[in-house]
Amino acid sequence: MGQFKNKFIFFGAVHQDFVFKLKNDLIKYRTNPISQNESYGGVAHNVAKIIGSYENTNFLSLQTDKETHKYLNSQNIDFTPLNKKIEKRFYGILIDKHQKLQLGLANTDAYENFTLNSINFKFINKSIVLDLNFPMILISKIIKKYHKNNNIVICGTSPFKVWKIKNNLKKIHTLILNKEELYSLTNIRNIIKSIKYIRLASPDITLVVSNADKKTYALEKNKLVSCKPPKINVVNENGAGDVMTGIYLYFMSKNDSIEKALTLAVAAGALHAQNKINFSFNSLKKETNKIILKKEKFDV
């Protein structure tokens, strides 16, 4: 196949997301009345959508319906199906009446069971972004085939999936995880010690680790910086990490410093958590004034 024209190439999930909101306090083992919203989701999709607000991206995933094709195109996402048959998949969350997450449910077997015998795409000097919904064999194939001439970016996706990249850490250029994904990958329940573990395993990797409303860390070479978000009234924390990832990757691709990219990313996550979804760059820049940036002591 010919060369893809866009800088960012995504491999991963795109599907329906369902949000079920309790109207009252949860009563266990009984039917609870809810309100329902649905939208498009999947980690790779969510990150591509953020970058798509600045520039076109390419997205490779399982075949989907015409309505989804049309939606992706409206988000500046050029979609390429990896198969012909439409496989059903979805994600659902239950939140309480105060918008706090109670439970997440993922029907993603379609991704896990997918096989691709050969990969014949031509990628040179691209940022290839993968979530971890596809099986380990396929993820490893993509990493090994393209890591020499491209920038490989991994989004952690889930503590239950991050094991898939453990044997390929040295071939990954950027790894973005939340705290629990980091702990699952390293088997060390301490952020700084876990970051050191990753640095020793892969000396050239750039690592970003988020910790909800606490510090988010970024490691580049032997420089470790952190950003502490402002205290906010959390309205919608679902997807805030993906928004942060998209903003971080976009501004790093423009050769901004890791300090600037991380500050903007944490600010974007904070705005999203306040349900300020369609934020402008000016509002994003204004939010960075509330971020506390710090250079951390770090000795491998």
Protein backbone atom coordinates (compact mmCIF):
# COMPACT_ATOMS: atom_id res chain seq x y z
CA MET A 1 0.00 0.00 0.00
CA GLY A 2 1.10 3.59 -0.59
CA GLN A 3 2.52 5.99 1.92
CA PHE A 4 0.05 7.66 4.30
CA LYS A 5 0.20 11.46 4.11
CA ASN A 6 -0.61 12.40 7.72
CA LYS A 7 1.92 12.63 10.54
CA PHE A 8 -0.13 10.68 13.11
CA ILE A 9 -1.10 7.06 12.43
CA PHE A 10 -3.39 5.35 14.95
CA PHE A 11 -3.95 1.63 15.52
CA GLY A 12 -6.63 0.75 18.04
CA ALA A 13 -10.21 0.89 19.18
CA VAL A 14 -13.22 2.85 17.96
CA HIS A 15 -16.69 1.86 19.16
CA GLN A 16 -19.79 3.05 20.97
CA ASP A 17 -19.43 4.29 24.55
CA PHE A 18 -22.49 4.14 26.79
CA VAL A 19 -22.80 6.24 29.94
CA PHE A 20 -25.44 5.13 32.44
CA LYS A 21 -26.15 7.69 35.16
CA LEU A 22 -27.99 6.69 38.32
CA LYS A 23 -30.96 8.90 39.14
CA ASN A 24 -30.83 7.92 42.83
CA ASP A 25 -28.39 6.32 45.23
CA LEU A 26 -27.44 2.82 44.11
CA ILE A 27 -29.46 0.00 45.59
CA LYS A 28 -27.56 -3.25 45.18
CA TYR A 29 -29.27 -6.32 43.75
CA ARG A 30 -32.27 -4.25 42.58
CA THR A 31 -33.26 -2.48 39.37
CA ASN A 32 -32.02 1.13 39.46
CA PRO A 33 -33.46 3.89 37.26
CA ILE A 34 -30.90 5.60 35.02
CA SER A 35 -30.48 8.14 32.25
CA GLN A 36 -28.35 7.17 29.27
CA ASN A 37 -25.98 8.91 26.87
CA GLU A 38 -23.89 7.42 24.10
CA SER A 39 -20.95 8.63 22.07
CA TYR A 40 -17.92 7.26 20.26
CA GLY A 41 -15.02 5.95 22.30
CA GLY A 42 -11.93 3.77 22.37
CA VAL A 43 -8.57 5.04 23.62
CA ALA A 44 -6.97 5.41 20.18
CA HIS A 45 -10.12 7.12 18.88
CA ASN A 46 -10.25 9.54 21.80
CA VAL A 47 -6.63 10.59 21.31
CA ALA A 48 -7.03 10.84 17.52
CA LYS A 49 -10.09 13.04 17.98
CA ILE A 50 -8.11 15.53 20.08
CA ILE A 51 -5.25 15.70 17.57
CA GLY A 52 -7.85 15.85 14.77
CA SER A 53 -8.98 19.21 16.11
CA TYR A 54 -5.57 20.53 14.99
CA GLU A 55 -4.63 18.40 11.97
CA ASN A 56 -5.71 15.34 9.96
CA THR A 57 -4.85 11.88 11.26
CA ASN A 58 -5.00 8.32 9.92
CA PHE A 59 -6.82 5.62 11.87
CA LEU A 60 -6.63 1.85 11.36
CA SER A 61 -9.08 -0.41 13.15
CA LEU A 62 -11.77 -3.05 12.70
CA GLN A 63 -14.40 -2.39 10.07
CA THR A 64 -17.34 -0.32 11.24
CA ASP A 65 -20.63 0.99 9.84
CA LYS A 66 -21.18 3.84 7.36
CA GLU A 67 -22.42 6.18 10.07
CA THR A 68 -19.17 5.76 12.00
CA HIS A 69 -17.13 6.26 8.81
CA LYS A 70 -18.96 9.54 8.26
CA TYR A 71 -18.44 10.59 11.88
CA LEU A 72 -14.69 9.87 11.77
CA ASN A 73 -14.33 11.87 8.57
CA SER A 74 -16.04 14.82 10.28
CA GLN A 75 -13.34 14.65 12.99
CA ASN A 76 -10.49 14.87 10.43
CA ILE A 77 -9.79 11.16 10.93
CA ASP A 78 -9.02 9.21 7.73
CA PHE A 79 -10.24 5.67 8.43
CA THR A 80 -8.73 2.47 7.00
CA PRO A 81 -10.41 -0.83 7.97
CA LEU A 82 -8.15 -3.77 8.73
CA ASN A 83 -10.85 -6.32 7.87
CA LYS A 84 -14.16 -6.57 5.97
CA LYS A 85 -16.66 -7.85 8.56
CA ILE A 86 -18.21 -5.49 11.10
CA GLU A 87 -17.52 -6.86 14.59
CA LYS A 88 -19.68 -5.62 17.46
CA ARG A 89 -17.88 -4.05 20.40
CA PHE A 90 -18.71 -1.40 23.02
CA TYR A 91 -17.75 0.12 26.36
CA GLY A 92 -20.07 1.16 29.15
CA ILE A 93 -19.71 3.02 32.43
CA LEU A 94 -21.99 3.47 35.40
CA ILE A 95 -21.77 6.79 37.22
CA ASP A 96 -23.64 7.95 40.30
CA LYS A 97 -25.86 11.03 40.44
CA HIS A 98 -22.77 13.10 41.35
CA GLN A 99 -20.97 11.97 38.15
CA LYS A 100 -18.53 9.71 40.01
CA LEU A 101 -17.47 6.54 38.21
CA GLN A 102 -18.85 3.39 39.83
CA LEU A 103 -18.11 0.71 37.25
CA GLY A 104 -16.71 0.27 33.77
CA LEU A 105 -17.60 -2.60 31.43
CA ALA A 106 -15.79 -3.42 28.18
CA ASN A 107 -16.95 -5.81 25.48
CA THR A 108 -13.74 -5.78 23.44
CA ASP A 109 -13.26 -9.43 22.48
CA ALA A 110 -13.54 -8.43 18.81
CA TYR A 111 -10.20 -6.63 19.14
CA GLU A 112 -8.54 -9.32 21.26
CA ASN A 113 -9.51 -12.09 18.84
CA PHE A 114 -8.49 -10.23 15.69
CA THR A 115 -5.66 -11.61 13.56
CA LEU A 116 -3.79 -9.93 10.72
CA ASN A 117 -1.47 -12.22 8.79
CA SER A 118 0.67 -9.48 7.26
CA ILE A 119 1.20 -5.74 7.62
CA ASN A 120 2.12 -4.06 4.34
CA PHE A 121 1.67 -0.37 5.10
CA LYS A 122 4.53 1.99 4.33
CA PHE A 123 5.24 4.32 7.25
CA ILE A 124 8.32 6.55 7.38
CA ASN A 125 8.88 9.38 9.88
CA LYS A 126 5.42 8.97 11.40
CA SER A 127 4.11 9.00 14.94
CA ILE A 128 2.47 5.59 15.21
CA VAL A 129 0.12 5.60 18.20
CA LEU A 130 -1.26 2.32 19.54
CA ASP A 131 -3.70 1.54 22.29
CA LEU A 132 -3.55 -1.99 23.70
CA ASN A 133 -6.88 -3.41 22.60
CA PHE A 134 -5.46 -5.58 19.82
CA PRO A 135 -3.76 -8.88 20.74
CA MET A 136 -0.13 -8.89 21.86
CA ILE A 137 1.02 -10.68 18.68
CA LEU A 138 -0.35 -7.93 16.42
CA ILE A 139 0.91 -5.10 18.65
CA SER A 140 4.38 -6.68 18.68
CA LYS A 141 4.34 -7.05 14.88
CA ILE A 142 3.55 -3.37 14.43
CA ILE A 143 6.21 -2.24 16.92
CA LYS A 144 8.94 -4.46 15.48
CA LYS A 145 8.15 -3.59 11.85
CA TYR A 146 8.03 0.19 12.22
CA HIS A 147 10.12 1.25 15.23
CA LYS A 148 13.34 1.93 13.30
CA ASN A 149 11.90 4.59 10.97
CA ASN A 150 9.04 5.97 13.07
CA ASN A 151 8.13 7.19 16.53
CA ILE A 152 6.25 4.44 18.38
CA VAL A 153 3.78 5.72 20.99
CA ILE A 154 1.91 3.42 23.38
CA CYS A 155 -1.19 4.43 25.35
CA GLY A 156 -1.58 2.19 28.40
CA THR A 157 -5.33 1.53 27.96
CA SER A 158 -5.80 -0.71 31.04
CA PRO A 159 -3.83 -2.32 33.88
CA PHE A 160 -5.10 -5.61 32.46
CA LYS A 161 -3.55 -4.98 29.02
CA VAL A 162 -0.24 -3.24 29.65
CA TRP A 163 1.65 -6.55 29.95
CA LYS A 164 1.43 -6.82 26.17
CA ILE A 165 4.34 -4.41 25.64
CA LYS A 166 6.69 -5.57 28.41
CA ASN A 167 9.02 -7.41 26.01
CA ASN A 168 9.19 -4.47 23.57
CA LEU A 169 10.02 -1.56 25.88
CA LYS A 170 13.33 -0.84 24.13
CA LYS A 171 11.52 -0.37 20.81
CA ILE A 172 8.97 2.11 22.21
CA HIS A 173 9.80 5.81 21.98
CA THR A 174 6.94 7.25 24.07
CA LEU A 175 4.93 5.44 26.74
CA ILE A 176 1.90 7.10 28.36
CA LEU A 177 0.35 5.41 31.39
CA ASN A 178 -1.74 6.12 34.44
CA LYS A 179 -0.45 5.15 37.87
CA GLU A 180 -2.18 1.76 38.02
CA GLU A 181 -0.98 0.82 34.54
CA LEU A 182 2.57 1.73 35.57
CA TYR A 183 2.31 -0.40 38.71
CA SER A 184 0.94 -3.32 36.72
CA LEU A 185 3.79 -3.09 34.23
CA THR A 186 6.58 -2.88 36.82
CA ASN A 187 5.08 -4.76 39.78
CA ILE A 188 6.33 -1.88 41.94
CA ARG A 189 3.74 0.20 43.79
CA ASN A 190 5.75 3.40 43.95
CA ILE A 191 5.73 5.95 41.13
CA ILE A 192 9.37 7.12 41.30
CA LYS A 193 10.74 3.60 41.74
CA SER A 194 8.57 2.40 38.87
CA ILE A 195 9.80 5.23 36.63
CA LYS A 196 13.39 4.23 37.44
CA TYR A 197 12.54 0.63 36.52
CA ILE A 198 11.26 1.74 33.11
CA ARG A 199 14.30 3.99 32.56
CA LEU A 200 16.69 1.10 33.28
CA ALA A 201 14.73 -1.25 31.02
CA SER A 202 14.62 1.30 28.18
CA PRO A 203 17.19 4.13 28.51
CA ASP A 204 15.85 6.16 25.55
CA ILE A 205 12.13 6.01 26.30
CA THR A 206 10.03 9.10 27.06
CA LEU A 207 7.55 8.29 29.81
CA VAL A 208 4.41 10.11 30.99
CA VAL A 209 2.58 8.95 34.12
CA SER A 210 -0.69 10.51 35.30
CA ASN A 211 -2.07 10.21 38.81
CA ALA A 212 -5.57 11.69 38.58
CA ASP A 213 -5.82 14.90 40.64
CA LYS A 214 -2.27 14.52 41.95
CA LYS A 215 1.00 15.03 40.05
CA THR A 216 1.53 13.97 36.46
CA TYR A 217 5.15 13.07 35.67
CA ALA A 218 7.15 13.18 32.45
CA LEU A 219 10.58 11.65 31.97
CA GLU A 220 12.78 12.63 29.02
CA LYS A 221 16.33 11.29 29.02
CA ASN A 222 17.35 11.87 32.66
CA LYS A 223 15.07 14.86 33.26
CA LEU A 224 11.97 14.26 35.35
CA VAL A 225 9.35 17.00 35.63
CA SER A 226 5.94 17.04 37.25
CA CYS A 227 2.75 19.07 36.93
CA LYS A 228 0.23 19.38 39.73
CA PRO A 229 -3.26 20.24 38.48
CA PRO A 230 -5.45 22.85 40.19
CA LYS A 231 -8.17 21.88 42.61
CA ILE A 232 -11.37 21.63 40.59
CA ASN A 233 -14.96 20.51 40.87
CA VAL A 234 -14.84 17.22 38.95
CA VAL A 235 -17.90 16.75 36.76
CA ASN A 236 -16.72 14.22 34.16
CA GLU A 237 -13.43 12.44 34.74
CA ASN A 238 -14.10 9.77 32.09
CA GLY A 239 -11.74 10.35 29.14
CA ALA A 240 -9.67 13.09 30.80
CA GLY A 241 -6.53 10.99 30.47
CA ASP A 242 -7.06 10.53 26.73
CA VAL A 243 -7.55 14.29 26.30
CA MET A 244 -4.30 14.87 28.19
CA THR A 245 -2.52 12.35 25.95
CA GLY A 246 -3.76 13.96 22.73
CA ILE A 247 -2.68 17.46 23.75
CA TYR A 248 0.71 16.21 24.96
CA LEU A 249 1.45 14.32 21.73
CA TYR A 250 0.35 17.17 19.50
CA PHE A 251 2.50 19.82 21.15
CA MET A 252 5.51 17.50 21.44
CA SER A 253 5.19 16.90 17.68
CA LYS A 254 5.61 20.67 17.21
CA ASN A 255 8.99 20.50 18.96
CA ASP A 256 7.74 22.19 22.11
CA SER A 257 9.60 21.46 25.33
CA ILE A 258 8.39 18.59 27.48
CA GLU A 259 7.60 21.14 30.21
CA LYS A 260 5.29 23.14 27.94
CA ALA A 261 3.63 20.07 26.41
CA LEU A 262 3.00 18.48 29.82
CA THR A 263 1.63 21.70 31.31
CA LEU A 264 -0.80 22.14 28.42
CA ALA A 265 -1.77 18.46 28.63
CA VAL A 266 -2.54 18.58 32.35
CA ALA A 267 -4.51 21.80 31.82
CA ALA A 268 -6.55 20.09 29.08
CA GLY A 269 -7.30 17.13 31.33
CA ALA A 270 -8.46 19.51 34.08
CA LEU A 271 -10.77 21.36 31.68
CA HIS A 272 -12.26 18.09 30.44
CA ALA A 273 -12.84 16.89 34.00
CA GLN A 274 -14.85 20.09 34.58
CA ASN A 275 -16.93 19.15 31.51
CA LYS A 276 -15.40 22.05 29.54
CA ILE A 277 -15.01 19.83 26.51
CA ASN A 278 -14.83 22.23 23.56
CA PHE A 279 -12.05 24.40 24.96
CA SER A 280 -10.11 26.91 22.88
CA PHE A 281 -6.33 27.29 22.92
CA ASN A 282 -6.74 30.56 24.84
CA SER A 283 -8.75 28.86 27.60
CA LEU A 284 -6.17 26.07 27.63
CA LYS A 285 -3.34 28.59 27.96
CA LYS A 286 -5.21 30.38 30.74
CA GLU A 287 -5.65 27.11 32.64
CA THR A 288 -1.88 26.53 32.61
CA ASN A 289 -1.49 29.49 34.98
CA LYS A 290 -3.04 27.27 37.67
CA ILE A 291 -0.62 24.39 37.07
CA ILE A 292 2.38 23.91 39.38
CA LEU A 293 5.39 22.79 37.30
CA LYS A 294 8.36 21.30 39.12
CA LYS A 295 11.66 19.71 38.20
CA GLU A 296 11.95 16.56 40.28
CA LYS A 297 15.12 15.05 41.70
CA PHE A 298 15.91 11.96 39.68
CA ASP A 299 18.94 9.67 39.88
CA VAL A 300 18.82 6.35 38.08
